[in-house]
Amino acid sequence: MRVRLLGLSAQWLDDLSDDEKAGLLSMVGEVFEIEEIDEYGQPWVRKFWFDEDGEACAFHSIGLEAQEMEVVDAAVVDEDR
């Protein structure tokens, strides 16, 4: 399933460095494929950043709360039924 990240409401954002926080906040508005759903039912998405050679140089994975996302590819959900 694909979801759009609407925002991040986690308190732990305040504990991150400015660079890490900026990276995570740059994900807001983007569409991601859900990579996994953890044992608590929380969906996880991941973003990779690439260097000038096209090599992955950093990534962030984040577990999302329901209010932080919207489904953008309902056809995938319907196909799984």
N, C-alpha and C. Protein backbone atom coordinates (compact mmCIF):
# COMPACT_ATOMS: atom_id res chain seq x y z
N MET A 1 0.84 -1.17 0.00
CA MET A 1 0.00 0.00 0.00
C MET A 1 0.89 1.24 0.00
N ARG A 2 0.43 2.27 -0.69
CA ARG A 2 1.16 3.53 -0.75
C ARG A 2 0.41 4.58 0.07
N VAL A 3 1.17 5.34 0.83
CA VAL A 3 0.59 6.38 1.68
C VAL A 3 1.36 7.69 1.51
N ARG A 4 0.64 8.78 1.70
CA ARG A 4 1.27 10.11 1.73
C ARG A 4 1.46 10.48 3.19
N LEU A 5 2.66 10.94 3.51
CA LEU A 5 2.96 11.39 4.87
C LEU A 5 2.41 12.81 5.03
N LEU A 6 1.46 12.97 5.93
CA LEU A 6 0.78 14.26 6.14
C LEU A 6 1.48 15.13 7.16
N GLY A 7 2.19 14.53 8.08
CA GLY A 7 2.87 15.27 9.13
C GLY A 7 3.42 14.32 10.16
N LEU A 8 4.26 14.83 11.02
CA LEU A 8 4.84 14.03 12.10
C LEU A 8 4.45 14.66 13.42
N SER A 9 3.84 13.85 14.27
CA SER A 9 3.35 14.38 15.54
C SER A 9 4.14 13.86 16.74
N ALA A 10 5.19 13.14 16.49
CA ALA A 10 5.94 12.50 17.57
C ALA A 10 6.73 13.52 18.40
N GLN A 11 6.67 13.35 19.71
CA GLN A 11 7.41 14.21 20.64
C GLN A 11 8.92 14.03 20.50
N TRP A 12 9.36 12.84 20.08
CA TRP A 12 10.79 12.55 19.99
C TRP A 12 11.50 13.39 18.94
N LEU A 13 10.77 14.04 18.06
CA LEU A 13 11.41 14.90 17.05
C LEU A 13 12.25 15.98 17.72
N ASP A 14 11.80 16.48 18.86
CA ASP A 14 12.51 17.54 19.56
C ASP A 14 13.88 17.09 20.08
N ASP A 15 14.07 15.76 20.21
CA ASP A 15 15.33 15.22 20.71
C ASP A 15 16.37 14.98 19.62
N LEU A 16 16.00 15.18 18.37
CA LEU A 16 16.91 14.91 17.26
C LEU A 16 17.78 16.11 16.95
N SER A 17 18.89 15.83 16.28
CA SER A 17 19.73 16.93 15.80
C SER A 17 18.97 17.70 14.73
N ASP A 18 19.40 18.91 14.46
CA ASP A 18 18.74 19.73 13.43
C ASP A 18 18.76 19.04 12.07
N ASP A 19 19.87 18.38 11.72
CA ASP A 19 19.98 17.70 10.43
C ASP A 19 19.02 16.51 10.34
N GLU A 20 18.96 15.71 11.41
CA GLU A 20 18.05 14.57 11.41
C GLU A 20 16.60 15.02 11.35
N LYS A 21 16.28 16.03 12.11
CA LYS A 21 14.92 16.56 12.12
C LYS A 21 14.54 17.10 10.75
N ALA A 22 15.44 17.83 10.12
CA ALA A 22 15.18 18.38 8.78
C ALA A 22 14.96 17.25 7.78
N GLY A 23 15.75 16.18 7.89
CA GLY A 23 15.59 15.04 6.99
C GLY A 23 14.22 14.40 7.13
N LEU A 24 13.81 14.16 8.36
CA LEU A 24 12.50 13.55 8.59
C LEU A 24 11.38 14.47 8.14
N LEU A 25 11.48 15.75 8.44
CA LEU A 25 10.43 16.68 8.04
C LEU A 25 10.36 16.85 6.52
N SER A 26 11.47 16.59 5.83
CA SER A 26 11.45 16.67 4.36
C SER A 26 10.60 15.56 3.75
N MET A 27 10.27 14.55 4.53
CA MET A 27 9.45 13.44 4.05
C MET A 27 7.97 13.82 3.98
N VAL A 28 7.57 14.86 4.71
CA VAL A 28 6.17 15.27 4.76
C VAL A 28 5.72 15.69 3.36
N GLY A 29 4.59 15.16 2.94
CA GLY A 29 4.03 15.45 1.62
C GLY A 29 4.41 14.42 0.56
N GLU A 30 5.40 13.59 0.85
CA GLU A 30 5.84 12.59 -0.11
C GLU A 30 5.04 11.30 0.05
N VAL A 31 5.07 10.48 -1.00
CA VAL A 31 4.35 9.21 -1.02
C VAL A 31 5.35 8.08 -0.85
N PHE A 32 4.99 7.12 0.00
CA PHE A 32 5.87 5.99 0.32
C PHE A 32 5.12 4.68 0.25
N GLU A 33 5.83 3.64 -0.08
CA GLU A 33 5.32 2.28 0.01
C GLU A 33 5.50 1.82 1.45
N ILE A 34 4.47 1.24 2.04
CA ILE A 34 4.62 0.69 3.39
C ILE A 34 5.51 -0.54 3.27
N GLU A 35 6.60 -0.56 4.00
CA GLU A 35 7.55 -1.65 3.94
C GLU A 35 7.20 -2.80 4.87
N GLU A 36 6.64 -2.46 6.02
CA GLU A 36 6.26 -3.49 6.97
C GLU A 36 5.26 -2.92 7.95
N ILE A 37 4.56 -3.82 8.62
CA ILE A 37 3.68 -3.44 9.72
C ILE A 37 4.19 -4.20 10.93
N ASP A 38 4.53 -3.45 11.98
CA ASP A 38 5.14 -4.08 13.15
C ASP A 38 4.12 -4.80 14.03
N GLU A 39 4.59 -5.37 15.11
CA GLU A 39 3.74 -6.17 15.98
C GLU A 39 2.65 -5.36 16.68
N TYR A 40 2.75 -4.03 16.62
CA TYR A 40 1.74 -3.16 17.22
C TYR A 40 0.77 -2.62 16.18
N GLY A 41 0.93 -3.06 14.94
CA GLY A 41 0.06 -2.62 13.86
C GLY A 41 0.47 -1.30 13.24
N GLN A 42 1.69 -0.84 13.56
CA GLN A 42 2.16 0.44 13.06
C GLN A 42 2.89 0.24 11.72
N PRO A 43 2.44 0.94 10.66
CA PRO A 43 3.12 0.83 9.37
C PRO A 43 4.43 1.63 9.36
N TRP A 44 5.43 1.09 8.68
CA TRP A 44 6.74 1.73 8.58
C TRP A 44 7.05 2.07 7.13
N VAL A 45 7.62 3.27 6.93
CA VAL A 45 8.08 3.71 5.61
C VAL A 45 9.54 4.11 5.71
N ARG A 46 10.20 4.19 4.57
CA ARG A 46 11.63 4.51 4.55
C ARG A 46 11.94 5.44 3.38
N LYS A 47 12.87 6.36 3.61
CA LYS A 47 13.37 7.24 2.55
C LYS A 47 14.88 7.14 2.50
N PHE A 48 15.41 7.03 1.29
CA PHE A 48 16.85 7.03 1.07
C PHE A 48 17.25 8.37 0.46
N TRP A 49 18.41 8.85 0.86
CA TRP A 49 19.03 10.01 0.23
C TRP A 49 20.26 9.51 -0.51
N PHE A 50 20.52 10.09 -1.68
CA PHE A 50 21.61 9.63 -2.54
C PHE A 50 22.65 10.72 -2.73
N ASP A 51 23.91 10.28 -2.86
CA ASP A 51 24.98 11.24 -3.13
C ASP A 51 25.05 11.54 -4.62
N GLU A 52 26.00 12.35 -5.02
CA GLU A 52 26.12 12.76 -6.43
C GLU A 52 26.44 11.60 -7.36
N ASP A 53 26.94 10.48 -6.84
CA ASP A 53 27.22 9.30 -7.65
C ASP A 53 26.03 8.35 -7.73
N GLY A 54 24.92 8.73 -7.11
CA GLY A 54 23.74 7.89 -7.13
C GLY A 54 23.75 6.77 -6.11
N GLU A 55 24.70 6.83 -5.19
CA GLU A 55 24.79 5.82 -4.13
C GLU A 55 23.98 6.28 -2.91
N ALA A 56 23.28 5.33 -2.30
CA ALA A 56 22.53 5.66 -1.09
C ALA A 56 23.53 6.04 0.00
N CYS A 57 23.34 7.21 0.60
CA CYS A 57 24.29 7.66 1.61
C CYS A 57 23.63 7.81 2.98
N ALA A 58 22.30 7.83 3.01
CA ALA A 58 21.60 7.94 4.29
C ALA A 58 20.16 7.48 4.09
N PHE A 59 19.53 7.09 5.19
CA PHE A 59 18.11 6.77 5.12
C PHE A 59 17.49 6.95 6.49
N HIS A 60 16.18 7.10 6.48
CA HIS A 60 15.39 7.14 7.71
C HIS A 60 14.21 6.22 7.53
N SER A 61 13.92 5.43 8.55
CA SER A 61 12.70 4.64 8.62
C SER A 61 11.87 5.22 9.75
N ILE A 62 10.57 5.25 9.55
CA ILE A 62 9.72 5.82 10.57
C ILE A 62 8.38 5.07 10.62
N GLY A 63 7.94 4.80 11.84
CA GLY A 63 6.63 4.20 12.07
C GLY A 63 5.60 5.31 12.14
N LEU A 64 4.49 5.12 11.44
CA LEU A 64 3.49 6.17 11.33
C LEU A 64 2.24 5.88 12.15
N GLU A 65 1.67 6.93 12.69
CA GLU A 65 0.37 6.88 13.35
C GLU A 65 -0.69 7.14 12.28
N ALA A 66 -1.91 6.70 12.53
CA ALA A 66 -3.00 6.83 11.54
C ALA A 66 -3.18 8.27 11.07
N GLN A 67 -3.11 9.24 11.97
CA GLN A 67 -3.36 10.63 11.62
C GLN A 67 -2.20 11.26 10.84
N GLU A 68 -1.09 10.56 10.73
CA GLU A 68 0.08 11.10 10.03
C GLU A 68 0.12 10.72 8.55
N MET A 69 -0.87 9.94 8.08
CA MET A 69 -0.81 9.45 6.70
C MET A 69 -2.19 9.35 6.09
N GLU A 70 -2.21 9.28 4.74
CA GLU A 70 -3.43 8.99 4.01
C GLU A 70 -3.09 8.00 2.90
N VAL A 71 -4.00 7.10 2.63
CA VAL A 71 -3.80 6.12 1.56
C VAL A 71 -3.93 6.83 0.23
N VAL A 72 -2.98 6.62 -0.67
CA VAL A 72 -3.03 7.26 -1.98
C VAL A 72 -3.19 6.24 -3.10
N ASP A 73 -3.07 4.97 -2.79
CA ASP A 73 -3.19 3.93 -3.82
C ASP A 73 -4.16 2.87 -3.32
N ALA A 74 -5.45 3.22 -3.34
CA ALA A 74 -6.47 2.30 -2.83
C ALA A 74 -6.59 1.06 -3.68
N ALA A 75 -6.20 1.11 -4.94
CA ALA A 75 -6.29 -0.07 -5.82
C ALA A 75 -5.47 -1.22 -5.25
N VAL A 76 -4.34 -0.92 -4.65
CA VAL A 76 -3.50 -1.96 -4.04
C VAL A 76 -4.25 -2.61 -2.88
N VAL A 77 -4.95 -1.81 -2.10
CA VAL A 77 -5.72 -2.35 -0.97
C VAL A 77 -6.81 -3.26 -1.49
N ASP A 78 -7.54 -2.82 -2.53
CA ASP A 78 -8.64 -3.61 -3.06
C ASP A 78 -8.16 -4.90 -3.70
N GLU A 79 -7.01 -4.91 -4.33
CA GLU A 79 -6.47 -6.12 -4.95
C GLU A 79 -6.13 -7.18 -3.92
N ASP A 80 -5.77 -6.77 -2.72
CA ASP A 80 -5.39 -7.72 -1.67
C ASP A 80 -6.58 -8.41 -1.04
N ARG A 81 -7.78 -7.93 -1.27
CA ARG A 81 -8.97 -8.52 -0.65
C ARG A 81 -9.41 -9.76 -1.35
